[in-house]
Amino acid sequence: MPSLNICICTCKRDKLLVQCLESVARVDVPADVHVTVTVIDNDPGRSAEQSVDALTRQFPFPLLYVCEPRRGIPLARNRALDETYRLGSDYLLFIDDDEWVRPDWLRVIYEYAVAQGGNVIVSGEVIPELPDTTPPEIRGVYKIRTRTTGERVESCATNNVLVPVSMIRDWGLRFDESNPLAGGTDTIFFHEAVARGAVIRKCVEALVHEAIPASRANLKWLAKRKYRAGITEAWRKQRKGRPRVIILLASALRVLSALMRSGLMALLGNKLARNQNWLKACKSAGVFAGVFGARVESYRNIEL
């Protein structure tokens, strides 16, 4: 019987975690499959333990709680790997604690993986759920990138993904712990998997929803996120052997071009296009800074 371990990393976001787990409890379980859910609490104070214990009694399949007291999202993700190996699971699935899944999510993503031979990484789709008060020039920025099922991608995130355990275990892949409060370590992890021969395919029918708080539905937060993504992009470009001077020149030109377009859109009163180009400039600035080793500790502060 194939076994699946659904891992959820969390830290001091008890209310969101409970909503996430309640949605997981309602999923359609594929026939002849064993499912386990593991919560990795990245709070040394074990703040999620009581809520998980309360849900364990009526949960439809095993719900496990482990605490990873060393702060940092890559440390929690590596603990998820270790717990999955300990269980002997065939597949590891990651979702975030601020998400909720559709009832058919698990069945769809698993059956797609099996249809692909069971040896591909499957990246599902994430639907952002924004506050009702979000202005259109911010809501438009969160528009989902158009993908198609079966499309092959170079990397993905841990917010909705299925991974064959034997693949990453045999390669000894781990999340980079050198800067534990930085973001982008999941992108780097899956990029490394592809570099070793893994195939990542999209399955847009495997849907989860992400709760976007008001603290993230603004241009300032999005600019920081794009800047961080640019730093990760710089790593990827250098990993491919791109010369540093070429990366610097290209990113500098993109910054200038995006800033000019953003200014023009502002003059024309097109706020959405202004924001989109400003965020492109921020990402390119991150690429430029990333070449010089810039870091951003995205997970130092916890957003509730």
C-alpha atoms as a PDB file:
ATOM      1  CA  MET A   1       0.000   0.000   0.000  1.00  0.00           C
ATOM      2  CA  PRO A   2       1.596   3.336  -1.056  1.00  0.00           C
ATOM      3  CA  SER A   3       1.998   5.793   1.820  1.00  0.00           C
ATOM      4  CA  LEU A   4       1.795   9.588   1.738  1.00  0.00           C
ATOM      5  CA  ASN A   5       3.053  11.981   4.406  1.00  0.00           C
ATOM      6  CA  ILE A   6       1.533  15.478   4.285  1.00  0.00           C
ATOM      7  CA  CYS A   7       3.895  17.880   6.060  1.00  0.00           C
ATOM      8  CA  ILE A   8       2.918  21.298   7.382  1.00  0.00           C
ATOM      9  CA  CYS A   9       5.580  23.580   8.875  1.00  0.00           C
ATOM     10  CA  THR A  10       4.247  26.191  11.291  1.00  0.00           C
ATOM     11  CA  CYS A  11       5.364  28.761  13.850  1.00  0.00           C
ATOM     12  CA  LYS A  12       3.017  30.631  16.189  1.00  0.00           C
ATOM     13  CA  ARG A  13       0.124  30.698  13.722  1.00  0.00           C
ATOM     14  CA  ASP A  14      -2.247  28.460  15.623  1.00  0.00           C
ATOM     15  CA  LYS A  15      -5.527  29.723  14.164  1.00  0.00           C
ATOM     16  CA  LEU A  16      -4.329  29.387  10.572  1.00  0.00           C
ATOM     17  CA  LEU A  17      -2.892  25.942  11.284  1.00  0.00           C
ATOM     18  CA  VAL A  18      -6.197  24.667  12.677  1.00  0.00           C
ATOM     19  CA  GLN A  19      -8.051  25.888   9.573  1.00  0.00           C
ATOM     20  CA  CYS A  20      -5.480  24.171   7.392  1.00  0.00           C
ATOM     21  CA  LEU A  21      -5.749  20.878   9.274  1.00  0.00           C
ATOM     22  CA  GLU A  22      -9.541  20.964   9.251  1.00  0.00           C
ATOM     23  CA  SER A  23      -9.463  21.221   5.449  1.00  0.00           C
ATOM     24  CA  VAL A  24      -6.966  18.351   5.199  1.00  0.00           C
ATOM     25  CA  ALA A  25      -9.270  16.211   7.346  1.00  0.00           C
ATOM     26  CA  ARG A  26     -11.941  16.511   4.639  1.00  0.00           C
ATOM     27  CA  VAL A  27      -9.849  15.362   1.663  1.00  0.00           C
ATOM     28  CA  ASP A  28     -10.775  12.423  -0.530  1.00  0.00           C
ATOM     29  CA  VAL A  29      -8.211   9.731   0.166  1.00  0.00           C
ATOM     30  CA  PRO A  30      -7.158   7.728  -2.922  1.00  0.00           C
ATOM     31  CA  ALA A  31      -8.094   4.062  -2.800  1.00  0.00           C
ATOM     32  CA  ASP A  32      -5.567   1.713  -1.198  1.00  0.00           C
ATOM     33  CA  VAL A  33      -3.331   4.545   0.022  1.00  0.00           C
ATOM     34  CA  HIS A  34      -2.116   5.171   3.569  1.00  0.00           C
ATOM     35  CA  VAL A  35      -2.082   8.843   4.604  1.00  0.00           C
ATOM     36  CA  THR A  36      -0.262  10.485   7.495  1.00  0.00           C
ATOM     37  CA  VAL A  37      -0.191  14.182   8.399  1.00  0.00           C
ATOM     38  CA  THR A  38       2.859  15.582  10.216  1.00  0.00           C
ATOM     39  CA  VAL A  39       2.943  19.045  11.767  1.00  0.00           C
ATOM     40  CA  ILE A  40       6.432  20.474  12.289  1.00  0.00           C
ATOM     41  CA  ASP A  41       6.242  23.160  14.963  1.00  0.00           C
ATOM     42  CA  ASN A  42       9.161  25.576  14.549  1.00  0.00           C
ATOM     43  CA  ASP A  43       8.428  27.244  17.883  1.00  0.00           C
ATOM     44  CA  PRO A  44      10.606  26.057  20.811  1.00  0.00           C
ATOM     45  CA  GLY A  45       7.675  26.965  23.047  1.00  0.00           C
ATOM     46  CA  ARG A  46       5.619  24.233  21.315  1.00  0.00           C
ATOM     47  CA  SER A  47       2.697  26.630  20.783  1.00  0.00           C
ATOM     48  CA  ALA A  48       0.932  24.371  18.260  1.00  0.00           C
ATOM     49  CA  GLU A  49       1.049  21.195  20.341  1.00  0.00           C
ATOM     50  CA  GLN A  50      -2.206  21.657  22.222  1.00  0.00           C
ATOM     51  CA  SER A  51      -4.245  22.415  19.089  1.00  0.00           C
ATOM     52  CA  VAL A  52      -2.793  19.448  17.216  1.00  0.00           C
ATOM     53  CA  ASP A  53      -3.452  17.133  20.165  1.00  0.00           C
ATOM     54  CA  ALA A  54      -7.086  18.312  20.294  1.00  0.00           C
ATOM     55  CA  LEU A  55      -7.577  17.513  16.609  1.00  0.00           C
ATOM     56  CA  THR A  56      -5.818  14.150  16.828  1.00  0.00           C
ATOM     57  CA  ARG A  57      -8.734  12.479  18.596  1.00  0.00           C
ATOM     58  CA  GLN A  58     -11.184  12.907  15.713  1.00  0.00           C
ATOM     59  CA  PHE A  59      -8.767  13.117  12.787  1.00  0.00           C
ATOM     60  CA  PRO A  60      -9.558  10.567  10.042  1.00  0.00           C
ATOM     61  CA  PHE A  61      -5.924   9.422   9.691  1.00  0.00           C
ATOM     62  CA  PRO A  62      -2.768   9.626  11.810  1.00  0.00           C
ATOM     63  CA  LEU A  63      -1.915  13.207  12.805  1.00  0.00           C
ATOM     64  CA  LEU A  64       1.596  13.554  14.216  1.00  0.00           C
ATOM     65  CA  TYR A  65       3.213  16.457  16.043  1.00  0.00           C
ATOM     66  CA  VAL A  66       6.956  17.131  16.171  1.00  0.00           C
ATOM     67  CA  CYS A  67       8.829  20.190  17.401  1.00  0.00           C
ATOM     68  CA  GLU A  68      11.888  21.551  15.616  1.00  0.00           C
ATOM     69  CA  PRO A  69      13.177  24.072  18.186  1.00  0.00           C
ATOM     70  CA  ARG A  70      15.917  25.540  15.981  1.00  0.00           C
ATOM     71  CA  ARG A  71      14.348  28.562  14.289  1.00  0.00           C
ATOM     72  CA  GLY A  72      14.334  28.713  10.517  1.00  0.00           C
ATOM     73  CA  ILE A  73      12.113  27.436   7.722  1.00  0.00           C
ATOM     74  CA  PRO A  74      14.826  25.266   6.081  1.00  0.00           C
ATOM     75  CA  LEU A  75      15.417  23.594   9.468  1.00  0.00           C
ATOM     76  CA  ALA A  76      11.706  22.804   9.758  1.00  0.00           C
ATOM     77  CA  ARG A  77      11.598  21.501   6.190  1.00  0.00           C
ATOM     78  CA  ASN A  78      14.600  19.257   6.805  1.00  0.00           C
ATOM     79  CA  ARG A  79      12.867  17.925   9.907  1.00  0.00           C
ATOM     80  CA  ALA A  80       9.918  17.115   7.640  1.00  0.00           C
ATOM     81  CA  LEU A  81      12.278  15.113   5.431  1.00  0.00           C
ATOM     82  CA  ASP A  82      13.654  13.230   8.444  1.00  0.00           C
ATOM     83  CA  GLU A  83      10.196  12.412   9.796  1.00  0.00           C
ATOM     84  CA  THR A  84       9.081  11.209   6.372  1.00  0.00           C
ATOM     85  CA  TYR A  85      12.106   8.911   6.126  1.00  0.00           C
ATOM     86  CA  ARG A  86      11.394   7.623   9.636  1.00  0.00           C
ATOM     87  CA  LEU A  87       7.830   6.761   8.646  1.00  0.00           C
ATOM     88  CA  GLY A  88       8.997   5.027   5.474  1.00  0.00           C
ATOM     89  CA  SER A  89       6.571   7.034   3.328  1.00  0.00           C
ATOM     90  CA  ASP A  90       6.664   6.746  -0.446  1.00  0.00           C
ATOM     91  CA  TYR A  91       5.632  10.350  -1.094  1.00  0.00           C
ATOM     92  CA  LEU A  92       6.101  13.606   0.772  1.00  0.00           C
ATOM     93  CA  LEU A  93       3.620  16.439   0.275  1.00  0.00           C
ATOM     94  CA  PHE A  94       4.226  19.986   1.484  1.00  0.00           C
ATOM     95  CA  ILE A  95       1.546  22.609   2.049  1.00  0.00           C
ATOM     96  CA  ASP A  96       1.753  25.849   4.061  1.00  0.00           C
ATOM     97  CA  ASP A  97       0.001  26.496   7.360  1.00  0.00           C
ATOM     98  CA  ASP A  98      -1.845  29.519   5.922  1.00  0.00           C
ATOM     99  CA  GLU A  99      -3.515  27.444   3.202  1.00  0.00           C
ATOM    100  CA  TRP A 100      -6.585  25.286   2.961  1.00  0.00           C
ATOM    101  CA  VAL A 101      -7.036  22.484   0.467  1.00  0.00           C
ATOM    102  CA  ARG A 102      -9.972  21.454  -1.685  1.00  0.00           C
ATOM    103  CA  PRO A 103     -11.560  18.063  -0.944  1.00  0.00           C
ATOM    104  CA  ASP A 104     -10.247  16.576  -4.201  1.00  0.00           C
ATOM    105  CA  TRP A 105      -6.733  18.036  -3.824  1.00  0.00           C
ATOM    106  CA  LEU A 106      -4.967  14.940  -2.504  1.00  0.00           C
ATOM    107  CA  ARG A 107      -6.614  12.554  -4.939  1.00  0.00           C
ATOM    108  CA  VAL A 108      -5.898  14.778  -7.943  1.00  0.00           C
ATOM    109  CA  ILE A 109      -2.217  15.423  -7.198  1.00  0.00           C
ATOM    110  CA  TYR A 110      -1.527  11.797  -6.255  1.00  0.00           C
ATOM    111  CA  GLU A 111      -3.328  10.278  -9.244  1.00  0.00           C
ATOM    112  CA  TYR A 112      -1.510  12.660 -11.572  1.00  0.00           C
ATOM    113  CA  ALA A 113       1.820  11.594 -10.065  1.00  0.00           C
ATOM    114  CA  VAL A 114       0.945   7.926 -10.538  1.00  0.00           C
ATOM    115  CA  ALA A 115      -0.139   8.574 -14.127  1.00  0.00           C
ATOM    116  CA  GLN A 116       3.326  10.073 -14.757  1.00  0.00           C
ATOM    117  CA  GLY A 117       4.979   6.902 -13.505  1.00  0.00           C
ATOM    118  CA  GLY A 118       5.316   7.909  -9.869  1.00  0.00           C
ATOM    119  CA  ASN A 119       8.819   9.326 -10.314  1.00  0.00           C
ATOM    120  CA  VAL A 120       8.122  13.005 -11.000  1.00  0.00           C
ATOM    121  CA  ILE A 121       7.737  15.951  -8.651  1.00  0.00           C
ATOM    122  CA  VAL A 122       4.255  17.429  -9.012  1.00  0.00           C
ATOM    123  CA  SER A 123       3.612  21.116  -8.336  1.00  0.00           C
ATOM    124  CA  GLY A 124      -0.006  22.084  -7.776  1.00  0.00           C
ATOM    125  CA  GLU A 125      -1.699  25.482  -8.049  1.00  0.00           C
ATOM    126  CA  VAL A 126      -2.176  28.055  -5.278  1.00  0.00           C
ATOM    127  CA  ILE A 127      -5.132  30.462  -5.323  1.00  0.00           C
ATOM    128  CA  PRO A 128      -4.479  33.687  -3.343  1.00  0.00           C
ATOM    129  CA  GLU A 129      -7.436  34.825  -1.231  1.00  0.00           C
ATOM    130  CA  LEU A 130      -7.096  38.562  -0.660  1.00  0.00           C
ATOM    131  CA  PRO A 131      -8.947  40.818   1.804  1.00  0.00           C
ATOM    132  CA  ASP A 132     -12.080  42.406   0.348  1.00  0.00           C
ATOM    133  CA  THR A 133     -10.550  45.848   0.850  1.00  0.00           C
ATOM    134  CA  THR A 134      -7.584  45.112  -1.436  1.00  0.00           C
ATOM    135  CA  PRO A 135      -7.403  47.794  -4.175  1.00  0.00           C
ATOM    136  CA  PRO A 136      -7.436  46.620  -7.801  1.00  0.00           C
ATOM    137  CA  GLU A 137      -3.867  47.803  -8.441  1.00  0.00           C
ATOM    138  CA  ILE A 138      -2.699  45.324  -5.781  1.00  0.00           C
ATOM    139  CA  ARG A 139      -5.216  42.579  -6.542  1.00  0.00           C
ATOM    140  CA  GLY A 140      -4.032  42.525 -10.151  1.00  0.00           C
ATOM    141  CA  VAL A 141      -0.446  41.908  -9.047  1.00  0.00           C
ATOM    142  CA  TYR A 142      -1.562  38.691  -7.363  1.00  0.00           C
ATOM    143  CA  LYS A 143      -3.054  37.367 -10.596  1.00  0.00           C
ATOM    144  CA  ILE A 144      -2.185  33.688 -11.014  1.00  0.00           C
ATOM    145  CA  ARG A 145       0.448  32.930 -13.609  1.00  0.00           C
ATOM    146  CA  THR A 146      -1.044  30.903 -16.419  1.00  0.00           C
ATOM    147  CA  ARG A 147       0.260  27.343 -16.455  1.00  0.00           C
ATOM    148  CA  THR A 148      -0.983  24.132 -18.013  1.00  0.00           C
ATOM    149  CA  THR A 149      -1.075  20.649 -16.575  1.00  0.00           C
ATOM    150  CA  GLY A 150       1.944  18.688 -17.747  1.00  0.00           C
ATOM    151  CA  GLU A 151       4.090  21.786 -18.215  1.00  0.00           C
ATOM    152  CA  ARG A 152       7.657  21.168 -17.140  1.00  0.00           C
ATOM    153  CA  VAL A 153       9.205  23.750 -14.786  1.00  0.00           C
ATOM    154  CA  GLU A 154      12.741  24.302 -13.513  1.00  0.00           C
ATOM    155  CA  SER A 155      11.759  24.773  -9.874  1.00  0.00           C
ATOM    156  CA  CYS A 156       8.794  25.242  -7.548  1.00  0.00           C
ATOM    157  CA  ALA A 157       7.859  26.067  -3.951  1.00  0.00           C
ATOM    158  CA  THR A 158       6.795  23.959  -0.981  1.00  0.00           C
ATOM    159  CA  ASN A 159       3.331  25.538  -0.833  1.00  0.00           C
ATOM    160  CA  ASN A 160       1.691  22.705  -2.808  1.00  0.00           C
ATOM    161  CA  VAL A 161       3.979  19.945  -4.003  1.00  0.00           C
ATOM    162  CA  LEU A 162       4.294  16.161  -4.066  1.00  0.00           C
ATOM    163  CA  VAL A 163       7.772  14.614  -4.005  1.00  0.00           C
ATOM    164  CA  PRO A 164       8.782  10.952  -4.506  1.00  0.00           C
ATOM    165  CA  VAL A 165      10.742  10.190  -1.341  1.00  0.00           C
ATOM    166  CA  SER A 166      13.213   7.724  -2.868  1.00  0.00           C
ATOM    167  CA  MET A 167      14.432  10.376  -5.292  1.00  0.00           C
ATOM    168  CA  ILE A 168      15.518  12.986  -2.731  1.00  0.00           C
ATOM    169  CA  ARG A 169      16.661  10.384  -0.196  1.00  0.00           C
ATOM    170  CA  ASP A 170      18.992   8.672  -2.662  1.00  0.00           C
ATOM    171  CA  TRP A 171      20.455  12.012  -3.724  1.00  0.00           C
ATOM    172  CA  GLY A 172      20.822  13.192  -0.125  1.00  0.00           C
ATOM    173  CA  LEU A 173      19.086  16.472  -0.936  1.00  0.00           C
ATOM    174  CA  ARG A 174      18.554  18.875   1.974  1.00  0.00           C
ATOM    175  CA  PHE A 175      17.293  22.423   2.357  1.00  0.00           C
ATOM    176  CA  ASP A 176      20.153  24.903   2.776  1.00  0.00           C
ATOM    177  CA  GLU A 177      20.469  25.810   6.475  1.00  0.00           C
ATOM    178  CA  SER A 178      23.322  28.309   6.089  1.00  0.00           C
ATOM    179  CA  ASN A 179      20.931  31.290   6.404  1.00  0.00           C
ATOM    180  CA  PRO A 180      17.967  29.800   8.281  1.00  0.00           C
ATOM    181  CA  LEU A 181      15.769  32.918   8.319  1.00  0.00           C
ATOM    182  CA  ALA A 182      16.147  33.632   4.600  1.00  0.00           C
ATOM    183  CA  GLY A 183      13.553  32.814   1.970  1.00  0.00           C
ATOM    184  CA  GLY A 184      13.975  30.996  -1.313  1.00  0.00           C
ATOM    185  CA  THR A 185      15.507  27.825   0.081  1.00  0.00           C
ATOM    186  CA  ASP A 186      12.659  25.747  -1.357  1.00  0.00           C
ATOM    187  CA  THR A 187      13.287  27.186  -4.835  1.00  0.00           C
ATOM    188  CA  ILE A 188      16.975  26.315  -4.492  1.00  0.00           C
ATOM    189  CA  PHE A 189      16.136  22.801  -3.234  1.00  0.00           C
ATOM    190  CA  PHE A 190      13.973  21.952  -6.227  1.00  0.00           C
ATOM    191  CA  HIS A 191      16.385  23.603  -8.648  1.00  0.00           C
ATOM    192  CA  GLU A 192      19.076  21.281  -7.301  1.00  0.00           C
ATOM    193  CA  ALA A 193      16.733  18.316  -7.755  1.00  0.00           C
ATOM    194  CA  VAL A 194      16.241  19.231 -11.414  1.00  0.00           C
ATOM    195  CA  ALA A 195      19.999  19.640 -11.841  1.00  0.00           C
ATOM    196  CA  ARG A 196      20.378  16.023 -10.698  1.00  0.00           C
ATOM    197  CA  GLY A 197      17.789  14.734 -13.136  1.00  0.00           C
ATOM    198  CA  ALA A 198      14.411  15.257 -11.481  1.00  0.00           C
ATOM    199  CA  VAL A 199      11.390  16.289 -13.531  1.00  0.00           C
ATOM    200  CA  ILE A 200       8.880  18.777 -12.110  1.00  0.00           C
ATOM    201  CA  ARG A 201       5.476  18.984 -13.773  1.00  0.00           C
ATOM    202  CA  LYS A 202       2.539  21.251 -13.069  1.00  0.00           C
ATOM    203  CA  CYS A 203      -0.897  19.942 -12.166  1.00  0.00           C
ATOM    204  CA  VAL A 204      -3.161  22.975 -12.120  1.00  0.00           C
ATOM    205  CA  GLU A 205      -6.204  20.934 -11.073  1.00  0.00           C
ATOM    206  CA  ALA A 206      -4.580  20.196  -7.686  1.00  0.00           C
ATOM    207  CA  LEU A 207      -5.755  23.352  -5.946  1.00  0.00           C
ATOM    208  CA  VAL A 208      -5.098  24.909  -2.572  1.00  0.00           C
ATOM    209  CA  HIS A 209      -6.118  28.365  -1.341  1.00  0.00           C
ATOM    210  CA  GLU A 210      -3.765  30.758   0.463  1.00  0.00           C
ATOM    211  CA  ALA A 211      -5.029  33.331   2.955  1.00  0.00           C
ATOM    212  CA  ILE A 212      -3.306  36.640   2.188  1.00  0.00           C
ATOM    213  CA  PRO A 213      -3.412  38.998   5.213  1.00  0.00           C
ATOM    214  CA  ALA A 214      -3.679  42.754   4.813  1.00  0.00           C
ATOM    215  CA  SER A 215      -0.019  43.022   5.861  1.00  0.00           C
ATOM    216  CA  ARG A 216       0.927  41.327   2.585  1.00  0.00           C
ATOM    217  CA  ALA A 217      -1.614  43.007   0.338  1.00  0.00           C
ATOM    218  CA  ASN A 218       0.451  46.125  -0.221  1.00  0.00           C
ATOM    219  CA  LEU A 219       3.227  47.305  -2.504  1.00  0.00           C
ATOM    220  CA  LYS A 220       5.877  47.545   0.219  1.00  0.00           C
ATOM    221  CA  TRP A 221       5.608  43.882   1.194  1.00  0.00           C
ATOM    222  CA  LEU A 222       5.448  42.753  -2.430  1.00  0.00           C
ATOM    223  CA  ALA A 223       8.556  44.782  -3.265  1.00  0.00           C
ATOM    224  CA  LYS A 224      10.504  43.028  -0.493  1.00  0.00           C
ATOM    225  CA  ARG A 225       9.296  39.655  -1.743  1.00  0.00           C
ATOM    226  CA  LYS A 226      10.362  40.407  -5.311  1.00  0.00           C
ATOM    227  CA  TYR A 227      13.743  41.651  -4.118  1.00  0.00           C
ATOM    228  CA  ARG A 228      14.246  38.384  -2.237  1.00  0.00           C
ATOM    229  CA  ALA A 229      13.173  36.422  -5.321  1.00  0.00           C
ATOM    230  CA  GLY A 230      15.785  38.321  -7.290  1.00  0.00           C
ATOM    231  CA  ILE A 231      18.489  37.256  -4.843  1.00  0.00           C
ATOM    232  CA  THR A 232      17.463  33.633  -5.378  1.00  0.00           C
ATOM    233  CA  GLU A 233      17.444  34.215  -9.141  1.00  0.00           C
ATOM    234  CA  ALA A 234      21.034  35.479  -8.950  1.00  0.00           C
ATOM    235  CA  TRP A 235      22.028  32.209  -7.291  1.00  0.00           C
ATOM    236  CA  ARG A 236      20.322  30.215 -10.030  1.00  0.00           C
ATOM    237  CA  LYS A 237      22.000  32.192 -12.815  1.00  0.00           C
ATOM    238  CA  GLN A 238      25.423  31.740 -11.252  1.00  0.00           C
ATOM    239  CA  ARG A 239      24.682  28.055 -10.663  1.00  0.00           C
ATOM    240  CA  LYS A 240      24.168  27.729 -14.419  1.00  0.00           C
ATOM    241  CA  GLY A 241      27.580  29.261 -15.059  1.00  0.00           C
ATOM    242  CA  ARG A 242      26.427  32.696 -16.184  1.00  0.00           C
ATOM    243  CA  PRO A 243      29.336  35.199 -15.858  1.00  0.00           C
ATOM    244  CA  ARG A 244      28.887  37.670 -13.001  1.00  0.00           C
ATOM    245  CA  VAL A 245      29.505  40.694 -15.218  1.00  0.00           C
ATOM    246  CA  ILE A 246      26.751  39.598 -17.621  1.00  0.00           C
ATOM    247  CA  ILE A 247      24.306  39.122 -14.741  1.00  0.00           C
ATOM    248  CA  LEU A 248      25.157  42.548 -13.336  1.00  0.00           C
ATOM    249  CA  LEU A 249      24.827  44.358 -16.658  1.00  0.00           C
ATOM    250  CA  ALA A 250      21.575  42.630 -17.588  1.00  0.00           C
ATOM    251  CA  SER A 251      19.964  43.221 -14.198  1.00  0.00           C
ATOM    252  CA  ALA A 252      21.050  46.891 -14.136  1.00  0.00           C
ATOM    253  CA  LEU A 253      19.506  47.469 -17.559  1.00  0.00           C
ATOM    254  CA  ARG A 254      16.292  45.756 -16.455  1.00  0.00           C
ATOM    255  CA  VAL A 255      16.115  47.959 -13.361  1.00  0.00           C
ATOM    256  CA  LEU A 256      16.432  51.124 -15.450  1.00  0.00           C
ATOM    257  CA  SER A 257      13.956  49.933 -18.070  1.00  0.00           C
ATOM    258  CA  ALA A 258      11.369  48.873 -15.491  1.00  0.00           C
ATOM    259  CA  LEU A 259      11.727  52.143 -13.566  1.00  0.00           C
ATOM    260  CA  MET A 260      11.181  54.161 -16.741  1.00  0.00           C
ATOM    261  CA  ARG A 261       8.052  52.165 -17.613  1.00  0.00           C
ATOM    262  CA  SER A 262       6.790  52.450 -14.047  1.00  0.00           C
ATOM    263  CA  GLY A 263       7.211  56.221 -14.143  1.00  0.00           C
ATOM    264  CA  LEU A 264       5.445  56.440 -17.481  1.00  0.00           C
ATOM    265  CA  MET A 265       2.525  54.349 -16.239  1.00  0.00           C
ATOM    266  CA  ALA A 266       2.271  56.580 -13.176  1.00  0.00           C
ATOM    267  CA  LEU A 267       1.999  59.644 -15.409  1.00  0.00           C
ATOM    268  CA  LEU A 268      -0.702  57.910 -17.466  1.00  0.00           C
ATOM    269  CA  GLY A 269      -2.633  57.008 -14.317  1.00  0.00           C
ATOM    270  CA  ASN A 270      -2.338  53.238 -14.817  1.00  0.00           C
ATOM    271  CA  LYS A 271      -1.687  52.169 -11.223  1.00  0.00           C
ATOM    272  CA  LEU A 272      -1.610  48.431 -11.911  1.00  0.00           C
ATOM    273  CA  ALA A 273       0.986  48.726 -14.699  1.00  0.00           C
ATOM    274  CA  ARG A 274       2.960  51.137 -12.517  1.00  0.00           C
ATOM    275  CA  ASN A 275       3.059  48.571  -9.707  1.00  0.00           C
ATOM    276  CA  GLN A 276       3.891  45.679 -12.010  1.00  0.00           C
ATOM    277  CA  ASN A 277       6.884  47.488 -13.470  1.00  0.00           C
ATOM    278  CA  TRP A 278       8.027  48.690 -10.056  1.00  0.00           C
ATOM    279  CA  LEU A 279       8.042  45.084  -8.833  1.00  0.00           C
ATOM    280  CA  LYS A 280      10.041  44.030 -11.899  1.00  0.00           C
ATOM    281  CA  ALA A 281      12.581  46.693 -10.984  1.00  0.00           C
ATOM    282  CA  CYS A 282      12.725  45.375  -7.405  1.00  0.00           C
ATOM    283  CA  LYS A 283      13.354  41.817  -8.580  1.00  0.00           C
ATOM    284  CA  SER A 284      16.117  42.913 -10.953  1.00  0.00           C
ATOM    285  CA  ALA A 285      17.650  44.949  -8.120  1.00  0.00           C
ATOM    286  CA  GLY A 286      17.624  41.777  -6.059  1.00  0.00           C
ATOM    287  CA  VAL A 287      19.460  39.939  -8.825  1.00  0.00           C
ATOM    288  CA  PHE A 288      22.085  42.693  -8.914  1.00  0.00           C
ATOM    289  CA  ALA A 289      22.529  42.634  -5.136  1.00  0.00           C
ATOM    290  CA  GLY A 290      22.466  38.838  -5.027  1.00  0.00           C
ATOM    291  CA  VAL A 291      25.605  38.648  -7.135  1.00  0.00           C
ATOM    292  CA  PHE A 292      27.392  40.407  -4.260  1.00  0.00           C
ATOM    293  CA  GLY A 293      25.969  37.998  -1.682  1.00  0.00           C
ATOM    294  CA  ALA A 294      23.037  40.048  -0.373  1.00  0.00           C
ATOM    295  CA  ARG A 295      20.698  38.226   2.033  1.00  0.00           C
ATOM    296  CA  VAL A 296      17.199  38.968   3.317  1.00  0.00           C
ATOM    297  CA  GLU A 297      15.915  37.369   6.531  1.00  0.00           C
ATOM    298  CA  SER A 298      12.321  37.005   5.404  1.00  0.00           C
ATOM    299  CA  TYR A 299      11.293  34.737   8.274  1.00  0.00           C
ATOM    300  CA  ARG A 300      12.684  36.737  11.200  1.00  0.00           C
ATOM    301  CA  ASN A 301       9.241  38.209  11.892  1.00  0.00           C
ATOM    302  CA  ILE A 302       6.173  35.959  11.971  1.00  0.00           C
ATOM    303  CA  GLU A 303       3.105  37.221  10.122  1.00  0.00           C
ATOM    304  CA  LEU A 304      -0.100  36.077  11.791  1.00  0.00           C
END
